Protein backbone atom coordinates (compact mmCIF):
# COMPACT_ATOMS: atom_id res chain seq x y z
CA UNK A 1 0.00 0.00 0.00
CA UNK A 2 1.18 3.50 -0.81
CA UNK A 3 -0.28 6.87 0.13
CA UNK A 4 -0.80 9.26 -2.77
CA UNK A 5 -0.80 12.81 -1.42
CA UNK A 6 -2.53 15.27 -3.70
CA UNK A 7 -2.29 19.01 -3.26
CA UNK A 8 -5.60 20.87 -3.64
CA UNK A 9 -5.87 24.64 -3.95
CA UNK A 10 -9.14 25.57 -2.21
CA UNK A 11 -10.11 29.11 -3.20
CA UNK A 12 -13.06 30.73 -1.46
CA UNK A 13 -13.57 28.30 1.41
CA UNK A 14 -14.00 31.09 3.99
CA UNK A 15 -17.63 31.43 2.88
CA UNK A 16 -20.48 29.45 4.46
CA UNK A 17 -20.75 26.73 1.82
CA UNK A 18 -17.01 26.46 1.23
CA UNK A 19 -16.21 26.13 4.94
CA UNK A 20 -18.97 23.76 6.00
CA UNK A 21 -19.62 21.48 3.05
CA UNK A 22 -16.37 21.45 1.10
CA UNK A 23 -13.69 21.92 3.74
CA UNK A 24 -15.08 20.47 7.00
CA UNK A 25 -17.59 17.85 5.80
CA UNK A 26 -15.64 16.77 2.72
CA UNK A 27 -11.85 17.28 2.66
CA UNK A 28 -11.27 17.29 6.44
CA UNK A 29 -13.65 14.34 6.82
CA UNK A 30 -11.76 12.39 4.14
CA UNK A 31 -8.47 13.10 5.91
CA UNK A 32 -9.90 12.03 9.28
CA UNK A 33 -11.15 8.72 7.83
CA UNK A 34 -7.62 7.99 6.62
CA UNK A 35 -8.05 9.00 2.99
CA UNK A 36 -9.76 7.21 0.10
CA UNK A 37 -8.78 3.59 -0.45
CA UNK A 38 -8.44 2.43 -4.05
CA UNK A 39 -9.12 -1.15 -5.23
CA UNK A 40 -5.36 -1.89 -5.36
CA UNK A 41 -4.94 -0.86 -1.72
CA UNK A 42 -3.38 2.55 -2.39
CA UNK A 43 -4.81 5.52 -0.51
CA UNK A 44 -5.55 9.01 -1.80
CA UNK A 45 -4.82 11.65 0.83
CA UNK A 46 -6.00 15.20 0.00
CA UNK A 47 -3.63 17.93 1.17
CA UNK A 48 -5.42 21.28 0.89
CA UNK A 49 -3.97 24.75 0.77
CA UNK A 50 -6.57 27.35 1.68
CA UNK A 51 -6.45 30.49 -0.47
CA UNK A 52 -8.37 33.73 -0.10
CA UNK A 53 -8.33 37.37 0.88
CA UNK A 54 -9.20 36.98 4.59
CA UNK A 55 -5.86 36.11 6.17
CA UNK A 56 -7.18 35.83 9.74
CA UNK A 57 -9.99 33.50 8.70
CA UNK A 58 -7.60 31.31 6.72
CA UNK A 59 -5.26 30.97 9.72
CA UNK A 60 -8.21 30.17 11.96
CA UNK A 61 -9.48 27.41 9.67
CA UNK A 62 -6.03 25.86 9.27
CA UNK A 63 -5.44 25.77 13.03
CA UNK A 64 -8.94 24.54 13.87
CA UNK A 65 -8.82 21.60 11.47
CA UNK A 66 -5.22 20.45 11.91
CA UNK A 67 -4.06 21.66 8.51
CA UNK A 68 -0.77 23.36 7.67
CA UNK A 69 -1.08 25.26 4.39
CA UNK A 70 -2.73 28.57 3.54
CA UNK A 71 -1.96 31.63 1.44
CA UNK A 72 -3.28 34.85 -0.04
CA UNK A 73 -1.37 34.71 -3.32
CA UNK A 74 -3.21 32.53 -5.85
CA UNK A 75 -0.43 32.82 -8.45
CA UNK A 76 2.12 31.30 -6.06
CA UNK A 77 -0.10 28.31 -5.27
CA UNK A 78 -0.78 27.76 -8.98
CA UNK A 79 2.96 27.81 -9.70
CA UNK A 80 3.58 24.97 -7.22
CA UNK A 81 3.61 21.62 -9.07
CA UNK A 82 2.63 19.80 -5.87
CA UNK A 83 -0.85 21.32 -6.14
CA UNK A 84 -2.62 19.27 -8.80
CA UNK A 85 -6.25 20.38 -8.32
CA UNK A 86 -7.79 23.83 -8.23
CA UNK A 87 -11.14 24.14 -6.41
CA UNK A 88 -13.24 27.30 -6.55
CA UNK A 89 -16.18 28.27 -4.34
CA UNK A 90 -15.81 32.03 -4.60
CA UNK A 91 -18.74 34.26 -5.48
CA UNK A 92 -19.97 33.69 -9.03
CA UNK A 93 -18.52 36.89 -10.49
CA UNK A 94 -14.98 35.87 -9.43
CA UNK A 95 -15.09 32.19 -10.34
CA UNK A 96 -14.40 32.19 -14.09
CA UNK A 97 -11.16 34.16 -13.81
CA UNK A 98 -9.79 31.83 -11.15
CA UNK A 99 -10.68 28.77 -13.22
CA UNK A 100 -9.12 30.28 -16.32
CA UNK A 101 -5.85 30.94 -14.46
CA UNK A 102 -5.82 27.40 -13.09
CA UNK A 103 -6.38 25.86 -16.54
CA UNK A 104 -3.47 27.90 -17.89
CA UNK A 105 -1.36 26.54 -15.04
CA UNK A 106 -2.30 22.97 -15.99
CA UNK A 107 -4.36 22.20 -12.89
CA UNK A 108 -7.32 19.85 -12.80
CA UNK A 109 -10.50 21.82 -12.08
CA UNK A 110 -13.28 21.19 -9.57
CA UNK A 111 -15.67 24.01 -8.79
CA UNK A 112 -19.02 25.18 -7.52
CA UNK A 113 -21.76 26.31 -9.84
CA UNK A 114 -22.63 28.46 -11.66
CA UNK A 115 -19.22 28.15 -13.30
CA UNK A 116 -19.54 31.65 -14.78
CA UNK A 117 -21.98 34.53 -15.10
CA UNK A 118 -22.87 33.77 -18.72
CA UNK A 119 -23.36 30.73 -20.94
CA UNK A 120 -20.68 31.88 -23.37
CA UNK A 121 -18.10 32.10 -20.59
CA UNK A 122 -19.20 28.75 -19.10
CA UNK A 123 -18.79 27.03 -22.47
CA UNK A 124 -15.45 28.77 -22.98
CA UNK A 125 -14.14 27.33 -19.71
CA UNK A 126 -15.25 23.84 -20.73
CA UNK A 127 -13.50 24.20 -24.10
CA UNK A 128 -10.32 25.56 -22.51
CA UNK A 129 -10.16 22.64 -20.08
CA UNK A 130 -10.72 20.16 -22.89
CA UNK A 131 -8.01 21.76 -25.02
CA UNK A 132 -5.57 21.79 -22.08
CA UNK A 133 -6.26 18.14 -21.32
CA UNK A 134 -7.07 18.78 -17.65
CA UNK A 135 -9.70 16.77 -15.83
CA UNK A 136 -12.63 18.82 -14.60
CA UNK A 137 -15.80 18.57 -12.58
CA UNK A 138 -18.64 20.69 -11.26
CA UNK A 139 -20.45 20.25 -7.92
CA UNK A 140 -23.87 18.66 -8.47
CA UNK A 141 -24.46 17.64 -4.89
CA UNK A 142 -28.22 17.15 -4.85
CA UNK A 143 -27.87 13.99 -6.93
CA UNK A 144 -26.34 12.36 -3.86
CA UNK A 145 -28.85 13.46 -1.24
CA UNK A 146 -30.35 10.40 0.52
CA UNK A 147 -33.90 11.39 -0.44
CA UNK A 148 -33.04 11.69 -4.14
CA UNK A 149 -30.97 8.49 -4.08
CA UNK A 150 -34.07 6.71 -2.78
CA UNK A 151 -36.10 8.36 -5.53
CA UNK A 152 -33.58 7.11 -8.10
CA UNK A 153 -33.93 3.63 -6.64
CA UNK A 154 -37.71 3.80 -7.17
CA UNK A 155 -37.28 4.99 -10.77
CA UNK A 156 -34.79 2.20 -11.52
CA UNK A 157 -37.19 -0.40 -10.09
CA UNK A 158 -40.07 0.71 -12.33
CA UNK A 159 -42.19 1.61 -9.30
CA UNK A 160 -43.91 4.57 -10.97
CA UNK A 161 -44.95 2.86 -14.18
CA UNK A 162 -45.13 5.78 -16.63
CA UNK A 163 -44.03 8.99 -14.91
CA UNK A 164 -46.53 11.74 -15.63
CA UNK A 165 -45.44 14.81 -13.68
CA UNK A 166 -43.00 16.13 -11.10
CA UNK A 167 -43.53 18.98 -8.62
CA UNK A 168 -40.56 20.48 -6.80
CA UNK A 169 -40.91 22.95 -3.95
CA UNK A 170 -37.79 24.64 -2.61
CA UNK A 171 -37.22 27.53 -0.26
CA UNK A 172 -37.65 29.18 3.11
CA UNK A 173 -37.98 32.63 4.61
CA UNK A 174 -34.70 34.55 4.50
CA UNK A 175 -34.92 37.34 7.06
CA UNK A 176 -34.49 40.86 5.78
CA UNK A 177 -31.74 41.70 8.27
CA UNK A 178 -33.49 44.43 10.27
CA UNK A 179 -34.72 42.94 13.55
CA UNK A 180 -33.34 39.49 12.73
CA UNK A 181 -30.11 38.71 10.87
CA UNK A 182 -30.47 37.26 7.38
CA UNK A 183 -29.27 33.71 6.71
CA UNK A 184 -27.80 34.43 3.28
CA UNK A 185 -25.17 36.95 2.11
CA UNK A 186 -26.40 40.26 0.72
CA UNK A 187 -24.83 39.70 -2.72
CA UNK A 188 -27.44 36.99 -3.34
CA UNK A 189 -30.01 39.78 -3.76
CA UNK A 190 -27.99 42.04 -6.07
CA UNK A 191 -28.10 41.17 -9.76
CA UNK A 192 -24.94 43.18 -10.42
CA UNK A 193 -23.02 40.92 -8.01
CA UNK A 194 -24.22 37.68 -9.60
CA UNK A 195 -27.20 37.20 -7.28
CA UNK A 196 -30.67 35.87 -7.97
CA UNK A 197 -32.51 32.63 -7.23
CA UNK A 198 -32.85 31.73 -10.92
CA UNK A 199 -29.07 31.87 -11.43
CA UNK A 200 -28.59 30.00 -8.14
CA UNK A 201 -31.23 27.27 -8.29
CA UNK A 202 -31.94 26.56 -11.95
CA UNK A 203 -28.43 25.17 -12.31
CA UNK A 204 -29.50 22.61 -9.69
CA UNK A 205 -32.86 21.93 -11.32
CA UNK A 206 -31.19 21.27 -14.64
CA UNK A 207 -29.03 18.37 -13.41
CA UNK A 208 -31.70 16.97 -11.06
CA UNK A 209 -34.27 16.90 -13.87
CA UNK A 210 -31.79 15.61 -16.48
CA UNK A 211 -30.38 12.76 -14.41
CA UNK A 212 -33.63 11.62 -12.79
CA UNK A 213 -36.39 12.32 -15.29
CA UNK A 214 -35.09 13.23 -18.76
CA UNK A 215 -33.85 15.97 -21.07
CA UNK A 216 -35.54 19.36 -20.91
CA UNK A 217 -37.28 20.39 -24.13
CA UNK A 218 -38.57 23.85 -23.14
CA UNK A 219 -38.98 26.14 -20.14
CA UNK A 220 -41.48 28.74 -18.98
CA UNK A 221 -40.49 30.88 -16.01
CA UNK A 222 -41.83 33.81 -14.04
CA UNK A 223 -39.44 35.47 -11.61
CA UNK A 224 -40.14 38.01 -8.87
CA UNK A 225 -38.37 40.26 -6.40
CA UNK A 226 -40.81 40.00 -3.53
CA UNK A 227 -38.65 41.70 -0.90
CA UNK A 228 -37.56 45.07 -2.30
CA UNK A 229 -35.08 46.15 0.40
CA UNK A 230 -32.80 44.30 2.80
CA UNK A 231 -30.07 45.06 5.34
CA UNK A 232 -26.50 44.05 4.49
CA UNK A 233 -23.68 42.75 6.68
CA UNK A 234 -22.72 46.30 7.68
CA UNK A 235 -26.24 47.10 8.85
CA UNK A 236 -26.95 49.30 5.83
CA UNK A 237 -30.18 49.17 3.84
CA UNK A 238 -29.84 48.32 0.15
CA UNK A 239 -32.13 47.83 -2.87
CA UNK A 240 -32.71 44.25 -3.97
CA UNK A 241 -32.09 44.10 -7.72
CA UNK A 242 -32.18 40.31 -8.17
CA UNK A 243 -35.07 37.85 -8.12
CA UNK A 244 -35.79 36.12 -4.81
CA UNK A 245 -38.48 33.78 -6.20
CA UNK A 246 -39.01 31.85 -9.44
CA UNK A 247 -41.97 29.84 -10.67
CA UNK A 248 -40.86 27.49 -13.45
CA UNK A 249 -42.46 24.85 -15.66
CA UNK A 250 -40.40 22.46 -17.76
CA UNK A 251 -41.54 20.25 -20.64
CA UNK A 252 -39.29 17.21 -21.06
CA UNK A 253 -38.50 15.41 -24.30
CA UNK A 254 -40.30 12.30 -22.99
CA UNK A 255 -43.50 14.23 -22.22
CA UNK A 256 -43.07 14.54 -18.44
CA UNK A 257 -44.13 17.92 -17.04
CA UNK A 258 -42.02 19.36 -14.21
CA UNK A 259 -43.05 22.31 -12.05
CA UNK A 260 -40.46 23.92 -9.78
CA UNK A 261 -41.14 26.71 -7.30
CA UNK A 262 -38.06 28.33 -5.75
CA UNK A 263 -38.34 31.07 -3.15
CA UNK A 264 -36.44 32.84 -0.40
CA UNK A 265 -39.70 34.52 0.58
CA UNK A 266 -41.87 31.57 1.59
CA UNK A 267 -42.69 30.04 4.98
CA UNK A 268 -42.33 26.28 5.09
CA UNK A 269 -45.37 24.04 5.54
CA UNK A 270 -44.10 20.79 4.05
CA UNK A 271 -41.85 17.90 5.09
CA UNK A 272 -38.56 19.56 4.15
CA UNK A 273 -36.92 22.66 2.62
CA UNK A 274 -36.87 20.75 -0.66
CA UNK A 275 -39.59 18.29 -1.65
CA UNK A 276 -39.92 16.47 -4.96
CA UNK A 277 -43.26 14.79 -5.73
CA UNK A 278 -43.35 12.31 -8.58
CA UNK A 279 -46.68 10.99 -9.87
CA UNK A 280 -46.91 7.98 -12.16
CA UNK A 281 -49.51 5.57 -13.45
CA UNK A 282 -48.55 2.90 -10.89
CA UNK A 283 -47.53 4.99 -7.90
CA UNK A 284 -46.32 8.28 -6.44
CA UNK A 285 -43.46 9.38 -4.20
CA UNK A 286 -42.44 12.47 -2.26
CA UNK A 287 -38.72 12.87 -1.56
CA UNK A 288 -37.05 15.36 0.74
CA UNK A 289 -33.39 15.90 1.53
CA UNK A 290 -33.10 12.62 3.44
CA UNK A 291 -36.46 10.84 3.44
CA UNK A 292 -38.78 9.48 0.78
CA UNK A 293 -42.34 8.17 1.08
CA UNK A 294 -44.49 6.32 -1.44
CA UNK A 295 -48.10 5.50 -2.25
CA UNK A 296 -48.74 2.66 -4.69
CA UNK A 297 -51.71 2.42 -6.99
CA UNK A 298 -53.26 -0.41 -4.94
CA UNK A 299 -53.01 1.66 -1.75
CA UNK A 300 -54.30 4.93 -3.19
CA UNK A 301 -57.34 6.15 -1.22
CA UNK A 302 -60.55 7.38 -2.82
CA UNK A 303 -61.26 10.79 -1.30
CA UNK A 304 -64.61 12.45 -1.89
CA UNK A 305 -64.91 16.21 -2.41
CA UNK A 306 -67.32 17.54 0.21
CA UNK A 307 -66.51 20.99 1.65
CA UNK A 308 -69.62 20.86 3.84
CA UNK A 309 -68.13 18.43 6.37
CA UNK A 310 -64.76 18.23 8.18
CA UNK A 311 -62.13 16.35 6.19
CA UNK A 312 -62.42 12.68 7.29
CA UNK A 313 -59.06 11.65 5.81
CA UNK A 314 -55.58 11.77 7.30
CA UNK A 315 -53.80 11.89 3.97
CA UNK A 316 -50.29 11.93 5.44
CA UNK A 317 -50.87 8.59 7.21
CA UNK A 318 -51.63 6.90 3.88
CA UNK A 319 -48.00 6.95 2.70
CA UNK A 320 -45.17 4.48 3.45
CA UNK A 321 -41.56 5.38 4.16
CA UNK A 322 -38.85 4.08 1.85
CA UNK A 323 -36.23 2.43 4.12
CA UNK A 324 -32.62 3.57 4.09
CA UNK A 325 -31.20 0.11 3.28
CA UNK A 326 -27.79 1.77 3.05
CA UNK A 327 -25.48 4.17 4.87
CA UNK A 328 -25.70 7.58 3.21
CA UNK A 329 -22.62 9.79 3.39
CA UNK A 330 -22.51 13.58 2.95
CA UNK A 331 -23.50 14.43 -0.64
CA UNK A 332 -20.60 16.86 -1.14
CA UNK A 333 -18.09 14.34 0.26
CA UNK A 334 -19.36 11.59 -2.05
CA UNK A 335 -18.73 13.76 -5.08
CA UNK A 336 -15.31 14.89 -3.84
CA UNK A 337 -14.28 11.24 -3.46
CA UNK A 338 -15.52 10.50 -6.98
CA UNK A 339 -13.54 13.38 -8.46
CA UNK A 340 -10.36 12.54 -6.55
CA UNK A 341 -10.54 8.95 -7.80
CA UNK A 342 -11.10 10.33 -11.29
CA UNK A 343 -7.91 12.41 -11.07
CA UNK A 344 -5.68 9.87 -9.35
CA UNK A 345 -7.01 6.53 -10.63
CA UNK A 346 -8.70 7.68 -13.86
CA UNK A 347 -12.09 6.35 -12.74
CA UNK A 348 -15.00 7.52 -14.95
CA UNK A 349 -16.56 10.89 -14.21
CA UNK A 350 -19.22 12.70 -16.27
CA UNK A 351 -20.18 15.78 -14.20
CA UNK A 352 -17.72 18.07 -15.96
CA UNK A 353 -17.56 21.77 -16.88
CA UNK A 354 -19.80 21.23 -19.90
CA UNK A 355 -22.45 19.79 -17.57
CA UNK A 356 -22.04 22.93 -15.48
CA UNK A 357 -22.50 25.07 -18.58
CA UNK A 358 -25.83 23.35 -19.21
CA UNK A 359 -27.01 24.65 -15.85
CA UNK A 360 -26.01 28.18 -16.80
CA UNK A 361 -27.82 27.72 -20.12
CA UNK A 362 -31.07 26.81 -18.35
CA UNK A 363 -30.76 29.81 -16.02
CA UNK A 364 -30.27 32.17 -18.97
CA UNK A 365 -33.21 30.70 -20.88
CA UNK A 366 -35.41 30.95 -17.78
CA UNK A 367 -34.49 34.63 -17.42
CA UNK A 368 -35.26 35.10 -21.12
CA UNK A 369 -38.64 33.41 -20.66
CA UNK A 370 -39.45 35.73 -17.78
CA UNK A 371 -38.41 38.84 -19.71
CA UNK A 372 -40.26 37.86 -22.87
CA UNK A 373 -43.20 36.20 -21.05
CA UNK A 374 -43.16 33.06 -23.24
CA UNK A 375 -42.00 29.44 -23.52
CA UNK A 376 -38.37 29.07 -24.62
CA UNK A 377 -36.85 25.97 -26.24
CA UNK A 378 -33.76 24.42 -24.63
CA UNK A 379 -31.34 23.33 -27.39
CA UNK A 380 -28.91 20.50 -26.77
CA UNK A 381 -25.51 21.78 -25.68
CA UNK A 382 -22.53 19.73 -26.91
């Protein structure tokens, strides 16, 4: 057995998502479990160097998680041959430039989405990586959530028969920042800084829909900025210029209709912050982040519409839970392990920069649909 240390430049991990999901729950967790064992007995050991502009925060993270490397000079870390992978979880407006520099330096690329602020730039990054011969991947974490893995299991088993429709509900109330601090950074609500729920969430909906249900043929979307003003991190009021809610409908090539509501201005009255209901000829399912419940055709009740009497049915009790039947790891960590095995052991990996560009494409077409108030076709991106 040999240990294969692999240097990873982690740019932008001082933010909420970068710190919690990518650093602590993925890279640090992999190190604490003793690395990633390959079939031949070798072990991949990630060795991160944290890069960013907040020197004090970088030092704090390194000390807290028993790491040794950090820096504020991206060019120096890119020049070091020991660092083989560049990871980017900066804000969207900064991401493309960092990726471009890393490709020029010959680094393998792994990054958050959206990969860039426009489709043209996203496609350019994919083409540059292909031309440079560097391996590349984009975070598509929701595919590995326990609830959606259970949903995939049901689809693979033929449980639904013919799938007819899908309804996705995502969101929660993000406080405005006046008498209660907001849960999301202020740039999320400024279009000029790359904010907006369509740019943020439709990249997710694209890969969830594609990998679970089928290719998207066309999209119709209505966006809204429900909350007009918020308070930023300095306690100053600012105008919200980006959408905080989106109401989308997708027609798939196979005829399935998907509806997806996304909102940071909704109060939750459902099982989870994200729920996906799938209805088919033989059965239905509702999946959340971790759980999934089903109702088969033979167990479907026969409610009667009668508003003149109290509802006699407890509809929620008429569903059955899908058992775990497996140990589910953190979704971000699963994908990190897949990408590291792709780089070190050349294991197959399909969630690349072009896949990320397809998410940006859907976001742009949804924004176009909203602006033009019409259905927009989604051409295949190759």
